[in-house]
Each structure stands twice: as C-alpha cells, then as structure tokens.
Amino acid sequence: MNSIRNQVQLIGHLGKDAELKKFDSGKVAVNAQIATSESYKNKNGEKVEETQWHNLTAWGKTAEIMGMYFKKGKQVAVSGKLCHRTYKDKEGRDRNITEIQVSEFTFLDKKEVN
C-alpha cells in the first residue's frame, strides 16, 4: 500500500509549451500546465463542462524530455505525486502552489503523418 499513498494520474491537454529551466548547479527542471475536463448535466438537464488546470513540474531527464516535447494542445497522461510549496513573489509576498511532480508520462496524440 505504500506505493499508492501519494499518487496522481491525469489525462488532459497541455495549456502551453513547457518551460525548461537550467540551474548553475547543472540541475534541470520543467514547468507545464495540463487541463482536465469533465461534463455533466445540471438539475435543469443542461450540459455543463468544467475544466480544471493543474501545474506540472519535473526534474532531470524527465524534465529534459518534457521540455522538448510538451507543446500546447498535445494530449498527455501524467503520473506523479502531489506537492505543496510556498515561495515569495516579486513583491515579497508568500504564495502557495500545488503541483504534480511528474515521474512518468505518455503521449496520447496520434502521430502526425507527413
């Protein structure tokens, strides 16, 4: 049971190209966003679609690959763990963020034919 304690799996579309960051220490990180949508009928029988945005992050080789291939609009499946962190913005205010630290991903789009 320990392996499923903090595990997130999502399928969605990328909202923008991934942003790759290289640090002086040699480490590599990437940030991206994925949109997941679900639809249902409300009490009036009208179809309602809700979209949620999720922040993604990764490190090392996973980050390098995501940085090269995660492009806006592509459909992907990601797996990782949920992380919460606090950082200071440019004005010095504390900001909280929840993100998925990606450990695995799969491209779901059909390959484009040239």
N, C-alpha and C. Protein backbone atom coordinates (compact mmCIF):
# COMPACT_ATOMS: atom_id res chain seq x y z
N MET A 1 0.80 -1.20 0.00
CA MET A 1 0.00 0.00 0.00
C MET A 1 0.85 1.27 0.00
N ASN A 2 2.10 1.21 0.43
CA ASN A 2 2.92 2.42 0.48
C ASN A 2 3.08 3.07 -0.89
N SER A 3 3.06 2.28 -1.96
CA SER A 3 3.32 2.83 -3.28
C SER A 3 2.16 3.66 -3.82
N ILE A 4 0.98 3.61 -3.19
CA ILE A 4 -0.14 4.40 -3.70
C ILE A 4 -0.57 5.51 -2.75
N ARG A 5 0.22 5.81 -1.77
CA ARG A 5 -0.16 6.83 -0.79
C ARG A 5 -0.27 8.23 -1.37
N ASN A 6 0.63 8.63 -2.20
CA ASN A 6 0.60 9.97 -2.79
C ASN A 6 0.85 9.82 -4.28
N GLN A 7 -0.16 9.38 -4.99
CA GLN A 7 -0.02 9.15 -6.42
C GLN A 7 -1.16 9.85 -7.15
N VAL A 8 -0.81 10.58 -8.19
CA VAL A 8 -1.78 11.30 -9.01
C VAL A 8 -1.61 10.84 -10.44
N GLN A 9 -2.72 10.58 -11.11
CA GLN A 9 -2.70 10.24 -12.53
C GLN A 9 -3.74 11.10 -13.23
N LEU A 10 -3.32 11.80 -14.28
CA LEU A 10 -4.21 12.69 -15.01
C LEU A 10 -4.04 12.50 -16.51
N ILE A 11 -5.13 12.69 -17.22
CA ILE A 11 -5.10 12.75 -18.68
C ILE A 11 -5.71 14.09 -19.07
N GLY A 12 -5.00 14.82 -19.90
CA GLY A 12 -5.51 16.12 -20.33
C GLY A 12 -4.68 16.70 -21.45
N HIS A 13 -4.98 17.96 -21.75
CA HIS A 13 -4.28 18.68 -22.81
C HIS A 13 -3.38 19.75 -22.21
N LEU A 14 -2.21 19.92 -22.80
CA LEU A 14 -1.27 20.93 -22.34
C LEU A 14 -1.76 22.32 -22.71
N GLY A 15 -1.69 23.25 -21.75
CA GLY A 15 -2.18 24.60 -21.97
C GLY A 15 -1.18 25.52 -22.64
N LYS A 16 0.09 25.19 -22.57
CA LYS A 16 1.14 25.98 -23.22
C LYS A 16 2.38 25.11 -23.33
N ASP A 17 3.36 25.58 -24.08
CA ASP A 17 4.62 24.85 -24.19
C ASP A 17 5.29 24.79 -22.82
N ALA A 18 5.94 23.69 -22.54
CA ALA A 18 6.67 23.53 -21.27
C ALA A 18 7.82 24.52 -21.20
N GLU A 19 8.11 24.98 -19.99
CA GLU A 19 9.20 25.93 -19.76
C GLU A 19 10.35 25.20 -19.06
N LEU A 20 11.45 25.05 -19.77
CA LEU A 20 12.63 24.36 -19.24
C LEU A 20 13.55 25.37 -18.55
N LYS A 21 14.03 25.00 -17.37
CA LYS A 21 14.94 25.87 -16.62
C LYS A 21 16.22 25.09 -16.32
N LYS A 22 17.36 25.72 -16.58
CA LYS A 22 18.65 25.12 -16.26
C LYS A 22 19.30 25.97 -15.18
N PHE A 23 19.75 25.31 -14.12
CA PHE A 23 20.35 26.00 -12.99
C PHE A 23 21.88 25.92 -13.06
N ASP A 24 22.54 26.85 -12.38
CA ASP A 24 24.00 26.89 -12.35
C ASP A 24 24.59 25.59 -11.80
N SER A 25 23.85 24.92 -10.96
CA SER A 25 24.32 23.66 -10.36
C SER A 25 24.32 22.51 -11.36
N GLY A 26 23.71 22.74 -12.54
CA GLY A 26 23.62 21.69 -13.55
C GLY A 26 22.27 20.98 -13.55
N LYS A 27 21.46 21.23 -12.53
CA LYS A 27 20.14 20.60 -12.48
C LYS A 27 19.21 21.23 -13.51
N VAL A 28 18.24 20.42 -13.96
CA VAL A 28 17.27 20.87 -14.96
C VAL A 28 15.87 20.62 -14.39
N ALA A 29 14.99 21.62 -14.55
CA ALA A 29 13.60 21.49 -14.12
C ALA A 29 12.70 21.97 -15.25
N VAL A 30 11.45 21.57 -15.20
CA VAL A 30 10.48 22.00 -16.19
C VAL A 30 9.16 22.30 -15.50
N ASN A 31 8.44 23.29 -16.03
CA ASN A 31 7.10 23.62 -15.57
C ASN A 31 6.16 23.55 -16.77
N ALA A 32 4.96 23.02 -16.53
CA ALA A 32 3.95 22.93 -17.58
C ALA A 32 2.58 22.96 -16.90
N GLN A 33 1.54 23.07 -17.71
CA GLN A 33 0.17 23.03 -17.20
C GLN A 33 -0.66 22.09 -18.05
N ILE A 34 -1.54 21.35 -17.38
CA ILE A 34 -2.43 20.42 -18.06
C ILE A 34 -3.87 20.76 -17.67
N ALA A 35 -4.77 20.68 -18.64
CA ALA A 35 -6.19 20.93 -18.40
C ALA A 35 -6.94 19.61 -18.44
N THR A 36 -7.76 19.38 -17.41
CA THR A 36 -8.64 18.22 -17.41
C THR A 36 -10.07 18.74 -17.42
N SER A 37 -10.93 18.05 -18.15
CA SER A 37 -12.32 18.49 -18.27
C SER A 37 -13.26 17.34 -17.95
N GLU A 38 -14.40 17.69 -17.41
CA GLU A 38 -15.45 16.71 -17.21
C GLU A 38 -16.78 17.41 -17.49
N SER A 39 -17.76 16.64 -17.92
CA SER A 39 -19.07 17.23 -18.20
C SER A 39 -20.15 16.44 -17.48
N TYR A 40 -21.21 17.14 -17.18
CA TYR A 40 -22.36 16.54 -16.51
C TYR A 40 -23.59 17.37 -16.84
N LYS A 41 -24.75 16.85 -16.50
CA LYS A 41 -26.00 17.59 -16.69
C LYS A 41 -26.42 18.17 -15.35
N ASN A 42 -26.74 19.45 -15.35
CA ASN A 42 -27.18 20.08 -14.11
C ASN A 42 -28.64 19.73 -13.83
N LYS A 43 -29.22 20.30 -12.77
CA LYS A 43 -30.58 19.95 -12.38
C LYS A 43 -31.61 20.34 -13.42
N ASN A 44 -31.25 21.26 -14.34
CA ASN A 44 -32.16 21.67 -15.42
C ASN A 44 -31.97 20.83 -16.67
N GLY A 45 -31.07 19.84 -16.61
CA GLY A 45 -30.81 18.98 -17.76
C GLY A 45 -29.85 19.56 -18.77
N GLU A 46 -29.24 20.70 -18.43
CA GLU A 46 -28.30 21.34 -19.35
C GLU A 46 -26.91 20.74 -19.15
N LYS A 47 -26.22 20.56 -20.26
CA LYS A 47 -24.86 20.02 -20.19
C LYS A 47 -23.91 21.11 -19.70
N VAL A 48 -23.12 20.78 -18.70
CA VAL A 48 -22.14 21.69 -18.11
C VAL A 48 -20.77 21.04 -18.24
N GLU A 49 -19.80 21.80 -18.72
CA GLU A 49 -18.44 21.30 -18.80
C GLU A 49 -17.55 22.14 -17.89
N GLU A 50 -16.80 21.46 -17.06
CA GLU A 50 -15.88 22.13 -16.15
C GLU A 50 -14.45 21.72 -16.48
N THR A 51 -13.58 22.72 -16.54
CA THR A 51 -12.16 22.48 -16.81
C THR A 51 -11.36 22.92 -15.60
N GLN A 52 -10.42 22.08 -15.21
CA GLN A 52 -9.50 22.42 -14.13
C GLN A 52 -8.08 22.41 -14.67
N TRP A 53 -7.28 23.37 -14.20
CA TRP A 53 -5.88 23.46 -14.60
C TRP A 53 -5.00 22.93 -13.49
N HIS A 54 -3.97 22.17 -13.86
CA HIS A 54 -3.06 21.57 -12.91
C HIS A 54 -1.63 21.94 -13.31
N ASN A 55 -0.85 22.36 -12.32
CA ASN A 55 0.56 22.68 -12.54
C ASN A 55 1.38 21.40 -12.50
N LEU A 56 2.31 21.28 -13.44
CA LEU A 56 3.21 20.12 -13.51
C LEU A 56 4.64 20.60 -13.34
N THR A 57 5.46 19.78 -12.70
CA THR A 57 6.88 20.05 -12.60
C THR A 57 7.62 18.72 -12.69
N ALA A 58 8.86 18.78 -13.12
CA ALA A 58 9.69 17.58 -13.19
C ALA A 58 11.15 18.01 -13.14
N TRP A 59 12.02 17.05 -12.85
CA TRP A 59 13.45 17.29 -12.72
C TRP A 59 14.22 16.28 -13.56
N GLY A 60 15.47 16.62 -13.87
CA GLY A 60 16.39 15.69 -14.53
C GLY A 60 15.98 15.32 -15.94
N LYS A 61 16.21 14.06 -16.28
CA LYS A 61 15.96 13.56 -17.64
C LYS A 61 14.49 13.70 -18.02
N THR A 62 13.59 13.45 -17.08
CA THR A 62 12.16 13.62 -17.34
C THR A 62 11.87 15.06 -17.74
N ALA A 63 12.47 16.01 -17.03
CA ALA A 63 12.29 17.42 -17.34
C ALA A 63 12.83 17.76 -18.74
N GLU A 64 13.98 17.22 -19.09
CA GLU A 64 14.56 17.50 -20.40
C GLU A 64 13.64 17.03 -21.52
N ILE A 65 13.10 15.83 -21.38
CA ILE A 65 12.23 15.28 -22.42
C ILE A 65 10.93 16.08 -22.49
N MET A 66 10.35 16.39 -21.31
CA MET A 66 9.13 17.20 -21.30
C MET A 66 9.38 18.56 -21.95
N GLY A 67 10.53 19.15 -21.65
CA GLY A 67 10.86 20.46 -22.21
C GLY A 67 10.94 20.45 -23.73
N MET A 68 11.37 19.33 -24.30
CA MET A 68 11.49 19.23 -25.76
C MET A 68 10.15 18.95 -26.44
N TYR A 69 9.29 18.14 -25.80
CA TYR A 69 8.12 17.63 -26.49
C TYR A 69 6.76 18.06 -25.96
N PHE A 70 6.70 18.67 -24.78
CA PHE A 70 5.41 19.11 -24.25
C PHE A 70 5.04 20.44 -24.91
N LYS A 71 4.16 20.36 -25.90
CA LYS A 71 3.74 21.53 -26.68
C LYS A 71 2.25 21.77 -26.47
N LYS A 72 1.87 23.02 -26.51
CA LYS A 72 0.49 23.43 -26.30
C LYS A 72 -0.48 22.59 -27.14
N GLY A 73 -1.54 22.10 -26.49
CA GLY A 73 -2.58 21.35 -27.19
C GLY A 73 -2.39 19.85 -27.21
N LYS A 74 -1.18 19.36 -27.00
CA LYS A 74 -0.96 17.91 -27.03
C LYS A 74 -1.66 17.24 -25.86
N GLN A 75 -2.21 16.05 -26.13
CA GLN A 75 -2.84 15.28 -25.07
C GLN A 75 -1.82 14.33 -24.46
N VAL A 76 -1.74 14.34 -23.12
CA VAL A 76 -0.79 13.51 -22.41
C VAL A 76 -1.44 12.89 -21.18
N ALA A 77 -0.86 11.77 -20.74
CA ALA A 77 -1.19 11.18 -19.45
C ALA A 77 0.04 11.35 -18.58
N VAL A 78 -0.16 11.84 -17.36
CA VAL A 78 0.96 12.02 -16.44
C VAL A 78 0.69 11.28 -15.15
N SER A 79 1.77 10.86 -14.52
CA SER A 79 1.70 10.19 -13.22
C SER A 79 2.78 10.79 -12.34
N GLY A 80 2.45 11.02 -11.09
CA GLY A 80 3.43 11.58 -10.18
C GLY A 80 2.84 11.74 -8.80
N LYS A 81 3.43 12.65 -8.02
CA LYS A 81 2.94 12.87 -6.67
C LYS A 81 2.52 14.33 -6.50
N LEU A 82 1.57 14.53 -5.61
CA LEU A 82 1.05 15.86 -5.31
C LEU A 82 1.98 16.55 -4.33
N CYS A 83 2.38 17.79 -4.65
CA CYS A 83 3.29 18.55 -3.80
C CYS A 83 2.72 19.94 -3.55
N HIS A 84 2.90 20.44 -2.34
CA HIS A 84 2.52 21.80 -1.97
C HIS A 84 3.79 22.53 -1.58
N ARG A 85 3.91 23.77 -2.04
CA ARG A 85 5.09 24.55 -1.64
C ARG A 85 4.73 26.02 -1.55
N THR A 86 5.56 26.77 -0.86
CA THR A 86 5.39 28.21 -0.70
C THR A 86 6.62 28.89 -1.27
N TYR A 87 6.39 30.02 -1.94
CA TYR A 87 7.51 30.80 -2.45
C TYR A 87 7.16 32.28 -2.34
N LYS A 88 8.16 33.12 -2.49
CA LYS A 88 7.94 34.57 -2.44
C LYS A 88 7.88 35.11 -3.87
N ASP A 89 6.86 35.92 -4.14
CA ASP A 89 6.73 36.52 -5.47
C ASP A 89 7.64 37.74 -5.57
N LYS A 90 7.58 38.45 -6.69
CA LYS A 90 8.47 39.58 -6.93
C LYS A 90 8.28 40.71 -5.92
N GLU A 91 7.06 40.80 -5.36
CA GLU A 91 6.77 41.83 -4.37
C GLU A 91 7.08 41.38 -2.95
N GLY A 92 7.61 40.15 -2.79
CA GLY A 92 7.97 39.64 -1.48
C GLY A 92 6.84 38.99 -0.71
N ARG A 93 5.69 38.80 -1.35
CA ARG A 93 4.54 38.15 -0.70
C ARG A 93 4.66 36.64 -0.81
N ASP A 94 4.23 35.94 0.23
CA ASP A 94 4.21 34.48 0.21
C ASP A 94 3.09 34.00 -0.71
N ARG A 95 3.41 33.05 -1.56
CA ARG A 95 2.44 32.42 -2.46
C ARG A 95 2.49 30.92 -2.24
N ASN A 96 1.34 30.30 -2.28
CA ASN A 96 1.23 28.85 -2.15
C ASN A 96 0.88 28.26 -3.51
N ILE A 97 1.45 27.12 -3.80
CA ILE A 97 1.18 26.46 -5.07
C ILE A 97 1.06 24.95 -4.82
N THR A 98 0.15 24.34 -5.53
CA THR A 98 0.01 22.89 -5.52
C THR A 98 0.36 22.42 -6.92
N GLU A 99 1.19 21.40 -7.02
CA GLU A 99 1.62 20.92 -8.32
C GLU A 99 1.82 19.41 -8.29
N ILE A 100 1.84 18.84 -9.48
CA ILE A 100 2.12 17.42 -9.61
C ILE A 100 3.58 17.29 -10.03
N GLN A 101 4.37 16.58 -9.23
CA GLN A 101 5.76 16.31 -9.59
C GLN A 101 5.74 15.05 -10.44
N VAL A 102 5.93 15.22 -11.73
CA VAL A 102 5.76 14.14 -12.71
C VAL A 102 6.94 13.17 -12.65
N SER A 103 6.60 11.89 -12.58
CA SER A 103 7.63 10.86 -12.63
C SER A 103 7.54 10.06 -13.93
N GLU A 104 6.34 9.99 -14.52
CA GLU A 104 6.14 9.29 -15.78
C GLU A 104 5.11 10.02 -16.61
N PHE A 105 5.21 9.88 -17.93
CA PHE A 105 4.20 10.45 -18.81
C PHE A 105 4.11 9.65 -20.09
N THR A 106 2.99 9.79 -20.78
CA THR A 106 2.76 9.12 -22.05
C THR A 106 2.06 10.10 -22.98
N PHE A 107 2.50 10.16 -24.22
CA PHE A 107 1.82 10.97 -25.21
C PHE A 107 0.63 10.20 -25.75
N LEU A 108 -0.52 10.85 -25.84
CA LEU A 108 -1.73 10.17 -26.28
C LEU A 108 -2.19 10.59 -27.67
N ASP A 109 -1.61 11.65 -28.21
CA ASP A 109 -1.96 12.09 -29.56
C ASP A 109 -1.49 11.07 -30.58
N LYS A 110 -2.26 10.93 -31.64
CA LYS A 110 -1.81 10.07 -32.74
C LYS A 110 -0.66 10.76 -33.43
N LYS A 111 0.29 9.99 -33.90
CA LYS A 111 1.45 10.57 -34.59
C LYS A 111 0.97 11.24 -35.87
N GLU A 112 1.56 12.42 -36.12
CA GLU A 112 1.22 13.16 -37.33
C GLU A 112 1.88 12.49 -38.53
N VAL A 113 1.15 12.42 -39.63
CA VAL A 113 1.67 11.84 -40.85
C VAL A 113 2.17 12.97 -41.74
N ASN A 114 3.41 12.86 -42.23
CA ASN A 114 3.96 13.92 -43.09
C ASN A 114 3.52 13.73 -44.51
